[in-house]
């Protein structure tokens, strides 16, 4: 849960999660009133798009999307050729997610 919490905070711009919960909290009438969302979170929920125009995801759907970035070991048929690795080209959404996480997908 600890790792997921940190990942959700880093990936908030791509998720339906509220990036600015303090703004929503400030809009709340009292402590017992229903929680409010920030204007940015309401915009994401309405348009289903991020500020950059990428599709907004749930945490689980984003993880499923990131799981499609694969690293494959290729063994050429030619005996003299050495095996090499090929990494699938990530989509714009996947590149942005790796950037937000501070992860180099080519490793």
PDB file of N, CA and C in Angstrom:
ATOM      1  N   UNK A   1       0.821  -1.191   0.000  1.00  0.00           N
ATOM      2  CA  UNK A   1       0.000   0.000   0.000  1.00  0.00           C
ATOM      3  C   UNK A   1       0.868   1.259   0.000  1.00  0.00           C
ATOM      4  N   UNK A   2       1.988   1.187   0.652  1.00  0.00           N
ATOM      5  CA  UNK A   2       2.881   2.338   0.724  1.00  0.00           C
ATOM      6  C   UNK A   2       3.410   2.701  -0.661  1.00  0.00           C
ATOM      7  N   UNK A   3       3.836   1.699  -1.418  1.00  0.00           N
ATOM      8  CA  UNK A   3       4.349   1.938  -2.766  1.00  0.00           C
ATOM      9  C   UNK A   3       3.221   2.458  -3.656  1.00  0.00           C
ATOM     10  N   UNK A   4       2.047   1.864  -3.548  1.00  0.00           N
ATOM     11  CA  UNK A   4       0.908   2.321  -4.354  1.00  0.00           C
ATOM     12  C   UNK A   4       0.563   3.762  -4.031  1.00  0.00           C
ATOM     13  N   UNK A   5       0.599   4.146  -2.768  1.00  0.00           N
ATOM     14  CA  UNK A   5       0.292   5.518  -2.368  1.00  0.00           C
ATOM     15  C   UNK A   5       1.247   6.485  -3.052  1.00  0.00           C
ATOM     16  N   UNK A   6       2.543   6.163  -3.039  1.00  0.00           N
ATOM     17  CA  UNK A   6       3.526   7.034  -3.689  1.00  0.00           C
ATOM     18  C   UNK A   6       3.327   7.069  -5.209  1.00  0.00           C
ATOM     19  N   UNK A   7       3.025   5.917  -5.785  1.00  0.00           N
ATOM     20  CA  UNK A   7       2.790   5.873  -7.231  1.00  0.00           C
ATOM     21  C   UNK A   7       1.554   6.691  -7.603  1.00  0.00           C
ATOM     22  N   UNK A   8       0.495   6.577  -6.832  1.00  0.00           N
ATOM     23  CA  UNK A   8      -0.722   7.350  -7.109  1.00  0.00           C
ATOM     24  C   UNK A   8      -0.465   8.844  -7.048  1.00  0.00           C
ATOM     25  N   UNK A   9       0.334   9.263  -6.087  1.00  0.00           N
ATOM     26  CA  UNK A   9       0.647  10.695  -5.986  1.00  0.00           C
ATOM     27  C   UNK A   9       1.448  11.160  -7.187  1.00  0.00           C
ATOM     28  N   UNK A  10       2.423  10.356  -7.609  1.00  0.00           N
ATOM     29  CA  UNK A  10       3.249  10.726  -8.758  1.00  0.00           C
ATOM     30  C   UNK A  10       2.449  10.695 -10.060  1.00  0.00           C
ATOM     31  N   UNK A  11       1.540   9.728 -10.175  1.00  0.00           N
ATOM     32  CA  UNK A  11       0.774   9.542 -11.410  1.00  0.00           C
ATOM     33  C   UNK A  11      -0.557  10.295 -11.413  1.00  0.00           C
ATOM     34  N   UNK A  12      -0.840  11.075 -10.398  1.00  0.00           N
ATOM     35  CA  UNK A  12      -2.124  11.777 -10.285  1.00  0.00           C
ATOM     36  C   UNK A  12      -2.516  12.552 -11.543  1.00  0.00           C
ATOM     37  N   UNK A  13      -1.585  13.182 -12.265  1.00  0.00           N
ATOM     38  CA  UNK A  13      -2.006  13.883 -13.481  1.00  0.00           C
ATOM     39  C   UNK A  13      -2.629  12.972 -14.546  1.00  0.00           C
ATOM     40  N   UNK A  14      -2.342  11.677 -14.493  1.00  0.00           N
ATOM     41  CA  UNK A  14      -2.876  10.735 -15.479  1.00  0.00           C
ATOM     42  C   UNK A  14      -4.070   9.949 -14.960  1.00  0.00           C
ATOM     43  N   UNK A  15      -4.351  10.067 -13.653  1.00  0.00           N
ATOM     44  CA  UNK A  15      -5.405   9.288 -13.014  1.00  0.00           C
ATOM     45  C   UNK A  15      -6.615  10.155 -12.704  1.00  0.00           C
ATOM     46  N   UNK A  16      -7.718   9.501 -12.388  1.00  0.00           N
ATOM     47  CA  UNK A  16      -8.900  10.234 -11.942  1.00  0.00           C
ATOM     48  C   UNK A  16      -8.687  10.800 -10.537  1.00  0.00           C
ATOM     49  N   UNK A  17      -7.595  10.444  -9.891  1.00  0.00           N
ATOM     50  CA  UNK A  17      -7.289  10.951  -8.549  1.00  0.00           C
ATOM     51  C   UNK A  17      -7.144  12.478  -8.592  1.00  0.00           C
ATOM     52  N   UNK A  18      -7.471  13.103  -7.488  1.00  0.00           N
ATOM     53  CA  UNK A  18      -7.385  14.561  -7.377  1.00  0.00           C
ATOM     54  C   UNK A  18      -5.941  14.984  -7.160  1.00  0.00           C
ATOM     55  N   UNK A  19      -5.428  15.821  -8.052  1.00  0.00           N
ATOM     56  CA  UNK A  19      -4.046  16.302  -7.927  1.00  0.00           C
ATOM     57  C   UNK A  19      -3.901  17.343  -6.827  1.00  0.00           C
ATOM     58  N   UNK A  20      -4.970  18.072  -6.547  1.00  0.00           N
ATOM     59  CA  UNK A  20      -4.928  19.161  -5.569  1.00  0.00           C
ATOM     60  C   UNK A  20      -6.045  18.993  -4.539  1.00  0.00           C
ATOM     61  N   UNK A  21      -5.923  18.007  -3.645  1.00  0.00           N
ATOM     62  CA  UNK A  21      -7.000  17.775  -2.668  1.00  0.00           C
ATOM     63  C   UNK A  21      -7.194  18.954  -1.709  1.00  0.00           C
ATOM     64  N   UNK A  22      -6.165  19.776  -1.531  1.00  0.00           N
ATOM     65  CA  UNK A  22      -6.294  20.936  -0.638  1.00  0.00           C
ATOM     66  C   UNK A  22      -7.344  21.918  -1.176  1.00  0.00           C
ATOM     67  N   UNK A  23      -7.398  22.052  -2.511  1.00  0.00           N
ATOM     68  CA  UNK A  23      -8.385  22.951  -3.124  1.00  0.00           C
ATOM     69  C   UNK A  23      -9.796  22.442  -2.852  1.00  0.00           C
ATOM     70  N   UNK A  24     -10.005  21.162  -2.989  1.00  0.00           N
ATOM     71  CA  UNK A  24     -11.306  20.583  -2.700  1.00  0.00           C
ATOM     72  C   UNK A  24     -11.673  20.712  -1.232  1.00  0.00           C
ATOM     73  N   UNK A  25     -10.679  20.528  -0.370  1.00  0.00           N
ATOM     74  CA  UNK A  25     -10.911  20.658   1.074  1.00  0.00           C
ATOM     75  C   UNK A  25     -11.302  22.090   1.426  1.00  0.00           C
ATOM     76  N   UNK A  26     -10.710  23.067   0.760  1.00  0.00           N
ATOM     77  CA  UNK A  26     -11.031  24.470   1.026  1.00  0.00           C
ATOM     78  C   UNK A  26     -12.461  24.801   0.587  1.00  0.00           C
ATOM     79  N   UNK A  27     -12.990  24.088  -0.397  1.00  0.00           N
ATOM     80  CA  UNK A  27     -14.351  24.321  -0.894  1.00  0.00           C
ATOM     81  C   UNK A  27     -15.412  23.670  -0.010  1.00  0.00           C
ATOM     82  N   UNK A  28     -14.989  22.850   0.919  1.00  0.00           N
ATOM     83  CA  UNK A  28     -15.896  22.113   1.793  1.00  0.00           C
ATOM     84  C   UNK A  28     -16.465  23.039   2.855  1.00  0.00           C
ATOM     85  N   UNK A  29     -17.773  22.987   3.078  1.00  0.00           N
ATOM     86  CA  UNK A  29     -18.438  23.889   4.024  1.00  0.00           C
ATOM     87  C   UNK A  29     -18.074  23.589   5.475  1.00  0.00           C
ATOM     88  N   UNK A  30     -17.979  22.312   5.833  1.00  0.00           N
ATOM     89  CA  UNK A  30     -17.613  21.939   7.195  1.00  0.00           C
ATOM     90  C   UNK A  30     -16.954  20.566   7.166  1.00  0.00           C
ATOM     91  N   UNK A  31     -16.447  20.158   8.300  1.00  0.00           N
ATOM     92  CA  UNK A  31     -15.742  18.895   8.394  1.00  0.00           C
ATOM     93  C   UNK A  31     -16.674  17.707   8.135  1.00  0.00           C
ATOM     94  N   UNK A  32     -17.943  17.857   8.474  1.00  0.00           N
ATOM     95  CA  UNK A  32     -18.891  16.763   8.286  1.00  0.00           C
ATOM     96  C   UNK A  32     -19.588  16.805   6.924  1.00  0.00           C
ATOM     97  N   UNK A  33     -19.343  17.849   6.158  1.00  0.00           N
ATOM     98  CA  UNK A  33     -19.938  17.957   4.816  1.00  0.00           C
ATOM     99  C   UNK A  33     -19.242  16.991   3.861  1.00  0.00           C
ATOM    100  N   UNK A  34     -19.915  16.583   2.797  1.00  0.00           N
ATOM    101  CA  UNK A  34     -19.282  15.686   1.825  1.00  0.00           C
ATOM    102  C   UNK A  34     -18.008  16.306   1.242  1.00  0.00           C
ATOM    103  N   UNK A  35     -17.057  15.455   0.948  1.00  0.00           N
ATOM    104  CA  UNK A  35     -15.798  15.924   0.371  1.00  0.00           C
ATOM    105  C   UNK A  35     -16.055  16.568  -0.981  1.00  0.00           C
ATOM    106  N   UNK A  36     -15.266  17.554  -1.303  1.00  0.00           N
ATOM    107  CA  UNK A  36     -15.355  18.254  -2.586  1.00  0.00           C
ATOM    108  C   UNK A  36     -14.093  17.981  -3.397  1.00  0.00           C
ATOM    109  N   UNK A  37     -14.225  17.999  -4.706  1.00  0.00           N
ATOM    110  CA  UNK A  37     -13.063  17.797  -5.567  1.00  0.00           C
ATOM    111  C   UNK A  37     -12.599  19.132  -6.112  1.00  0.00           C
ATOM    112  N   UNK A  38     -11.331  19.195  -6.461  1.00  0.00           N
ATOM    113  CA  UNK A  38     -10.782  20.418  -7.030  1.00  0.00           C
ATOM    114  C   UNK A  38     -11.331  20.618  -8.434  1.00  0.00           C
ATOM    115  N   UNK A  39     -11.192  21.828  -8.960  1.00  0.00           N
ATOM    116  CA  UNK A  39     -11.681  22.122 -10.307  1.00  0.00           C
ATOM    117  C   UNK A  39     -10.951  21.282 -11.357  1.00  0.00           C
ATOM    118  N   UNK A  40      -9.668  21.017 -11.129  1.00  0.00           N
ATOM    119  CA  UNK A  40      -8.903  20.175 -12.053  1.00  0.00           C
ATOM    120  C   UNK A  40      -9.432  18.753 -12.092  1.00  0.00           C
ATOM    121  N   UNK A  41      -9.791  18.208 -10.943  1.00  0.00           N
ATOM    122  CA  UNK A  41     -10.337  16.851 -10.876  1.00  0.00           C
ATOM    123  C   UNK A  41     -11.710  16.789 -11.535  1.00  0.00           C
ATOM    124  N   UNK A  42     -12.514  17.822 -11.354  1.00  0.00           N
ATOM    125  CA  UNK A  42     -13.826  17.868 -11.995  1.00  0.00           C
ATOM    126  C   UNK A  42     -13.673  17.934 -13.513  1.00  0.00           C
ATOM    127  N   UNK A  43     -12.716  18.708 -13.988  1.00  0.00           N
ATOM    128  CA  UNK A  43     -12.451  18.828 -15.425  1.00  0.00           C
ATOM    129  C   UNK A  43     -12.012  17.481 -16.008  1.00  0.00           C
ATOM    130  N   UNK A  44     -11.105  16.784 -15.305  1.00  0.00           N
ATOM    131  CA  UNK A  44     -10.651  15.465 -15.770  1.00  0.00           C
ATOM    132  C   UNK A  44     -11.813  14.485 -15.825  1.00  0.00           C
ATOM    133  N   UNK A  45     -12.675  14.494 -14.822  1.00  0.00           N
ATOM    134  CA  UNK A  45     -13.808  13.574 -14.781  1.00  0.00           C
ATOM    135  C   UNK A  45     -14.801  13.878 -15.906  1.00  0.00           C
ATOM    136  N   UNK A  46     -14.970  15.142 -16.235  1.00  0.00           N
ATOM    137  CA  UNK A  46     -15.909  15.538 -17.266  1.00  0.00           C
ATOM    138  C   UNK A  46     -15.392  15.206 -18.669  1.00  0.00           C
ATOM    139  N   UNK A  47     -14.143  15.540 -18.942  1.00  0.00           N
ATOM    140  CA  UNK A  47     -13.595  15.373 -20.293  1.00  0.00           C
ATOM    141  C   UNK A  47     -12.943  14.014 -20.528  1.00  0.00           C
ATOM    142  N   UNK A  48     -12.576  13.329 -19.440  1.00  0.00           N
ATOM    143  CA  UNK A  48     -11.838  12.050 -19.525  1.00  0.00           C
ATOM    144  C   UNK A  48     -10.478  12.239 -20.194  1.00  0.00           C
ATOM    145  N   UNK A  49      -9.945  13.456 -20.120  1.00  0.00           N
ATOM    146  CA  UNK A  49      -8.652  13.797 -20.712  1.00  0.00           C
ATOM    147  C   UNK A  49      -7.817  14.592 -19.710  1.00  0.00           C
ATOM    148  N   UNK A  50      -6.496  14.439 -19.830  1.00  0.00           N
ATOM    149  CA  UNK A  50      -5.589  15.228 -18.997  1.00  0.00           C
ATOM    150  C   UNK A  50      -5.396  16.593 -19.655  1.00  0.00           C
ATOM    151  N   UNK A  51      -4.668  17.471 -19.000  1.00  0.00           N
ATOM    152  CA  UNK A  51      -4.355  18.783 -19.580  1.00  0.00           C
ATOM    153  C   UNK A  51      -3.568  18.631 -20.875  1.00  0.00           C
ATOM    154  N   UNK A  52      -2.817  17.532 -20.992  1.00  0.00           N
ATOM    155  CA  UNK A  52      -1.998  17.280 -22.185  1.00  0.00           C
ATOM    156  C   UNK A  52      -2.787  16.567 -23.282  1.00  0.00           C
ATOM    157  N   UNK A  53      -4.055  16.255 -23.024  1.00  0.00           N
ATOM    158  CA  UNK A  53      -4.886  15.586 -24.013  1.00  0.00           C
ATOM    159  C   UNK A  53      -4.813  14.071 -23.975  1.00  0.00           C
ATOM    160  N   UNK A  54      -4.145  13.503 -22.976  1.00  0.00           N
ATOM    161  CA  UNK A  54      -4.049  12.050 -22.844  1.00  0.00           C
ATOM    162  C   UNK A  54      -5.299  11.508 -22.146  1.00  0.00           C
ATOM    163  N   UNK A  55      -5.612  10.255 -22.390  1.00  0.00           N
ATOM    164  CA  UNK A  55      -6.762   9.619 -21.752  1.00  0.00           C
ATOM    165  C   UNK A  55      -6.496   9.430 -20.261  1.00  0.00           C
ATOM    166  N   UNK A  56      -7.480   9.776 -19.436  1.00  0.00           N
ATOM    167  CA  UNK A  56      -7.366   9.598 -17.984  1.00  0.00           C
ATOM    168  C   UNK A  56      -7.678   8.131 -17.662  1.00  0.00           C
ATOM    169  N   UNK A  57      -6.950   7.580 -16.702  1.00  0.00           N
ATOM    170  CA  UNK A  57      -7.085   6.174 -16.336  1.00  0.00           C
ATOM    171  C   UNK A  57      -7.364   6.011 -14.844  1.00  0.00           C
ATOM    172  N   UNK A  58      -7.842   4.831 -14.493  1.00  0.00           N
ATOM    173  CA  UNK A  58      -7.837   4.424 -13.087  1.00  0.00           C
ATOM    174  C   UNK A  58      -6.429   3.885 -12.829  1.00  0.00           C
ATOM    175  N   UNK A  59      -6.088   3.690 -11.582  1.00  0.00           N
ATOM    176  CA  UNK A  59      -4.750   3.182 -11.265  1.00  0.00           C
ATOM    177  C   UNK A  59      -4.539   1.810 -11.890  1.00  0.00           C
ATOM    178  N   UNK A  60      -5.545   0.935 -11.767  1.00  0.00           N
ATOM    179  CA  UNK A  60      -5.424  -0.424 -12.300  1.00  0.00           C
ATOM    180  C   UNK A  60      -5.343  -0.440 -13.825  1.00  0.00           C
ATOM    181  N   UNK A  61      -6.140   0.389 -14.497  1.00  0.00           N
ATOM    182  CA  UNK A  61      -6.091   0.388 -15.966  1.00  0.00           C
ATOM    183  C   UNK A  61      -4.767   0.958 -16.471  1.00  0.00           C
ATOM    184  N   UNK A  62      -4.197   1.914 -15.738  1.00  0.00           N
ATOM    185  CA  UNK A  62      -2.886   2.442 -16.135  1.00  0.00           C
ATOM    186  C   UNK A  62      -1.805   1.378 -15.957  1.00  0.00           C
ATOM    187  N   UNK A  63      -1.864   0.621 -14.871  1.00  0.00           N
ATOM    188  CA  UNK A  63      -0.900  -0.464 -14.680  1.00  0.00           C
ATOM    189  C   UNK A  63      -1.013  -1.510 -15.785  1.00  0.00           C
ATOM    190  N   UNK A  64      -2.242  -1.834 -16.186  1.00  0.00           N
ATOM    191  CA  UNK A  64      -2.430  -2.784 -17.293  1.00  0.00           C
ATOM    192  C   UNK A  64      -1.837  -2.235 -18.586  1.00  0.00           C
ATOM    193  N   UNK A  65      -2.012  -0.943 -18.804  1.00  0.00           N
ATOM    194  CA  UNK A  65      -1.450  -0.312 -20.001  1.00  0.00           C
ATOM    195  C   UNK A  65       0.080  -0.340 -19.962  1.00  0.00           C
ATOM    196  N   UNK A  66       0.658  -0.030 -18.803  1.00  0.00           N
ATOM    197  CA  UNK A  66       2.121  -0.036 -18.675  1.00  0.00           C
ATOM    198  C   UNK A  66       2.697  -1.441 -18.825  1.00  0.00           C
ATOM    199  N   UNK A  67       1.920  -2.445 -18.489  1.00  0.00           N
ATOM    200  CA  UNK A  67       2.391  -3.832 -18.583  1.00  0.00           C
ATOM    201  C   UNK A  67       2.624  -4.277 -20.018  1.00  0.00           C
ATOM    202  N   UNK A  68       2.137  -3.503 -20.978  1.00  0.00           N
ATOM    203  CA  UNK A  68       2.332  -3.879 -22.383  1.00  0.00           C
ATOM    204  C   UNK A  68       3.698  -3.460 -22.924  1.00  0.00           C
ATOM    205  N   UNK A  69       4.442  -2.685 -22.154  1.00  0.00           N
ATOM    206  CA  UNK A  69       5.806  -2.328 -22.563  1.00  0.00           C
ATOM    207  C   UNK A  69       6.684  -3.523 -22.201  1.00  0.00           C
ATOM    208  N   UNK A  70       7.176  -4.190 -23.218  1.00  0.00           N
ATOM    209  CA  UNK A  70       7.916  -5.430 -22.998  1.00  0.00           C
ATOM    210  C   UNK A  70       9.357  -5.319 -23.474  1.00  0.00           C
ATOM    211  N   UNK A  71      10.172  -6.186 -22.926  1.00  0.00           N
ATOM    212  CA  UNK A  71      11.571  -6.306 -23.335  1.00  0.00           C
ATOM    213  C   UNK A  71      11.744  -7.728 -23.851  1.00  0.00           C
ATOM    214  N   UNK A  72      12.074  -7.847 -25.116  1.00  0.00           N
ATOM    215  CA  UNK A  72      12.174  -9.164 -25.751  1.00  0.00           C
ATOM    216  C   UNK A  72      13.612  -9.464 -26.151  1.00  0.00           C
ATOM    217  N   UNK A  73      14.022 -10.676 -25.899  1.00  0.00           N
ATOM    218  CA  UNK A  73      15.359 -11.124 -26.299  1.00  0.00           C
ATOM    219  C   UNK A  73      15.215 -11.816 -27.655  1.00  0.00           C
ATOM    220  N   UNK A  74      15.930 -11.307 -28.648  1.00  0.00           N
ATOM    221  CA  UNK A  74      15.859 -11.826 -30.010  1.00  0.00           C
ATOM    222  C   UNK A  74      17.117 -12.632 -30.295  1.00  0.00           C
ATOM    223  N   UNK A  75      16.911 -13.850 -30.777  1.00  0.00           N
ATOM    224  CA  UNK A  75      18.033 -14.704 -31.162  1.00  0.00           C
ATOM    225  C   UNK A  75      17.963 -14.917 -32.673  1.00  0.00           C
ATOM    226  N   UNK A  76      18.802 -14.228 -33.405  1.00  0.00           N
ATOM    227  CA  UNK A  76      18.787 -14.376 -34.866  1.00  0.00           C
ATOM    228  C   UNK A  76      19.116 -15.811 -35.281  1.00  0.00           C
ATOM    229  N   UNK A  77      18.602 -16.204 -36.428  1.00  0.00           N
ATOM    230  CA  UNK A  77      18.857 -17.558 -36.927  1.00  0.00           C
ATOM    231  C   UNK A  77      20.308 -17.729 -37.357  1.00  0.00           C
ATOM    232  N   UNK A  78      20.917 -16.647 -37.801  1.00  0.00           N
ATOM    233  CA  UNK A  78      22.325 -16.723 -38.214  1.00  0.00           C
ATOM    234  C   UNK A  78      23.175 -17.046 -36.992  1.00  0.00           C
ATOM    235  N   UNK A  79      23.963 -18.070 -37.072  1.00  0.00           N
ATOM    236  CA  UNK A  79      24.771 -18.513 -35.931  1.00  0.00           C
ATOM    237  C   UNK A  79      25.798 -17.478 -35.511  1.00  0.00           C
ATOM    238  N   UNK A  80      26.298 -16.700 -36.448  1.00  0.00           N
ATOM    239  CA  UNK A  80      27.326 -15.706 -36.139  1.00  0.00           C
ATOM    240  C   UNK A  80      26.739 -14.473 -35.445  1.00  0.00           C
ATOM    241  N   UNK A  81      25.428 -14.245 -35.588  1.00  0.00           N
ATOM    242  CA  UNK A  81      24.801 -13.058 -35.000  1.00  0.00           C
ATOM    243  C   UNK A  81      24.521 -13.282 -33.515  1.00  0.00           C
ATOM    244  N   UNK A  82      24.852 -12.287 -32.735  1.00  0.00           N
ATOM    245  CA  UNK A  82      24.638 -12.362 -31.285  1.00  0.00           C
ATOM    246  C   UNK A  82      23.190 -12.010 -30.936  1.00  0.00           C
ATOM    247  N   UNK A  83      22.645 -12.617 -29.884  1.00  0.00           N
ATOM    248  CA  UNK A  83      21.297 -12.241 -29.437  1.00  0.00           C
ATOM    249  C   UNK A  83      21.282 -10.781 -28.969  1.00  0.00           C
ATOM    250  N   UNK A  84      20.142 -10.146 -29.104  1.00  0.00           N
ATOM    251  CA  UNK A  84      20.006  -8.757 -28.658  1.00  0.00           C
ATOM    252  C   UNK A  84      18.614  -8.558 -28.088  1.00  0.00           C
ATOM    253  N   UNK A  85      18.435  -7.445 -27.382  1.00  0.00           N
ATOM    254  CA  UNK A  85      17.158  -7.154 -26.744  1.00  0.00           C
ATOM    255  C   UNK A  85      16.464  -6.001 -27.442  1.00  0.00           C
ATOM    256  N   UNK A  86      15.157  -6.113 -27.557  1.00  0.00           N
ATOM    257  CA  UNK A  86      14.325  -5.081 -28.163  1.00  0.00           C
ATOM    258  C   UNK A  86      13.257  -4.690 -27.151  1.00  0.00           C
ATOM    259  N   UNK A  87      13.105  -3.387 -26.941  1.00  0.00           N
ATOM    260  CA  UNK A  87      12.076  -2.884 -26.030  1.00  0.00           C
ATOM    261  C   UNK A  87      10.958  -2.296 -26.869  1.00  0.00           C
ATOM    262  N   UNK A  88       9.728  -2.682 -26.557  1.00  0.00           N
ATOM    263  CA  UNK A  88       8.577  -2.152 -27.280  1.00  0.00           C
ATOM    264  C   UNK A  88       8.539  -0.631 -27.134  1.00  0.00           C
ATOM    265  N   UNK A  89       8.166   0.043 -28.197  1.00  0.00           N
ATOM    266  CA  UNK A  89       8.082   1.504 -28.173  1.00  0.00           C
ATOM    267  C   UNK A  89       6.853   1.912 -27.367  1.00  0.00           C
ATOM    268  N   UNK A  90       7.048   2.675 -26.288  1.00  0.00           N
ATOM    269  CA  UNK A  90       5.907   3.075 -25.454  1.00  0.00           C
ATOM    270  C   UNK A  90       5.061   4.153 -26.144  1.00  0.00           C
ATOM    271  N   UNK A  91       3.790   4.171 -25.805  1.00  0.00           N
ATOM    272  CA  UNK A  91       2.887   5.205 -26.303  1.00  0.00           C
ATOM    273  C   UNK A  91       3.188   6.515 -25.575  1.00  0.00           C
ATOM    274  N   UNK A  92       2.554   7.585 -26.010  1.00  0.00           N
ATOM    275  CA  UNK A  92       2.738   8.888 -25.344  1.00  0.00           C
ATOM    276  C   UNK A  92       2.309   8.813 -23.881  1.00  0.00           C
ATOM    277  N   UNK A  93       1.209   8.120 -23.614  1.00  0.00           N
ATOM    278  CA  UNK A  93       0.731   7.961 -22.237  1.00  0.00           C
ATOM    279  C   UNK A  93       1.746   7.193 -21.397  1.00  0.00           C
ATOM    280  N   UNK A  94       2.282   6.112 -21.940  1.00  0.00           N
ATOM    281  CA  UNK A  94       3.260   5.305 -21.216  1.00  0.00           C
ATOM    282  C   UNK A  94       4.538   6.099 -20.964  1.00  0.00           C
ATOM    283  N   UNK A  95       5.003   6.855 -21.953  1.00  0.00           N
ATOM    284  CA  UNK A  95       6.197   7.687 -21.761  1.00  0.00           C
ATOM    285  C   UNK A  95       5.968   8.707 -20.653  1.00  0.00           C
ATOM    286  N   UNK A  96       4.776   9.334 -20.635  1.00  0.00           N
ATOM    287  CA  UNK A  96       4.463  10.332 -19.606  1.00  0.00           C
ATOM    288  C   UNK A  96       4.419   9.679 -18.219  1.00  0.00           C
ATOM    289  N   UNK A  97       3.852   8.486 -18.133  1.00  0.00           N
ATOM    290  CA  UNK A  97       3.783   7.780 -16.844  1.00  0.00           C
ATOM    291  C   UNK A  97       5.185   7.465 -16.341  1.00  0.00           C
ATOM    292  N   UNK A  98       6.044   6.955 -17.208  1.00  0.00           N
ATOM    293  CA  UNK A  98       7.418   6.664 -16.796  1.00  0.00           C
ATOM    294  C   UNK A  98       8.145   7.945 -16.381  1.00  0.00           C
ATOM    295  N   UNK A  99       7.875   9.026 -17.097  1.00  0.00           N
ATOM    296  CA  UNK A  99       8.487  10.315 -16.756  1.00  0.00           C
ATOM    297  C   UNK A  99       8.046  10.773 -15.366  1.00  0.00           C
ATOM    298  N   UNK A 100       6.749  10.670 -15.075  1.00  0.00           N
ATOM    299  CA  UNK A 100       6.227  11.076 -13.759  1.00  0.00           C
ATOM    300  C   UNK A 100       6.797  10.214 -12.639  1.00  0.00           C
ATOM    301  N   UNK A 101       7.038   8.943 -12.933  1.00  0.00           N
ATOM    302  CA  UNK A 101       7.604   8.032 -11.932  1.00  0.00           C
ATOM    303  C   UNK A 101       9.123   8.158 -11.818  1.00  0.00           C
ATOM    304  N   UNK A 102       9.743   8.846 -12.765  1.00  0.00           N
ATOM    305  CA  UNK A 102      11.193   8.976 -12.754  1.00  0.00           C
ATOM    306  C   UNK A 102      11.882   7.668 -13.124  1.00  0.00           C
ATOM    307  N   UNK A 103      11.245   6.912 -14.021  1.00  0.00           N
ATOM    308  CA  UNK A 103      11.742   5.595 -14.416  1.00  0.00           C
ATOM    309  C   UNK A 103      12.187   5.649 -15.881  1.00  0.00           C
ATOM    310  N   UNK A 104      13.345   5.064 -16.159  1.00  0.00           N
ATOM    311  CA  UNK A 104      13.823   4.934 -17.531  1.00  0.00           C
ATOM    312  C   UNK A 104      13.364   3.582 -18.046  1.00  0.00           C
ATOM    313  N   UNK A 105      12.401   3.582 -18.961  1.00  0.00           N
ATOM    314  CA  UNK A 105      11.832   2.330 -19.441  1.00  0.00           C
ATOM    315  C   UNK A 105      12.828   1.517 -20.261  1.00  0.00           C
ATOM    316  N   UNK A 106      13.921   2.090 -20.698  1.00  0.00           N
ATOM    317  CA  UNK A 106      14.892   1.370 -21.520  1.00  0.00           C
ATOM    318  C   UNK A 106      15.831   0.502 -20.703  1.00  0.00           C
ATOM    319  N   UNK A 107      15.701   0.500 -19.412  1.00  0.00           N
ATOM    320  CA  UNK A 107      16.622  -0.279 -18.568  1.00  0.00           C
ATOM    321  C   UNK A 107      16.200  -1.703 -18.493  1.00  0.00           C
TER     322      UNK A 107
END
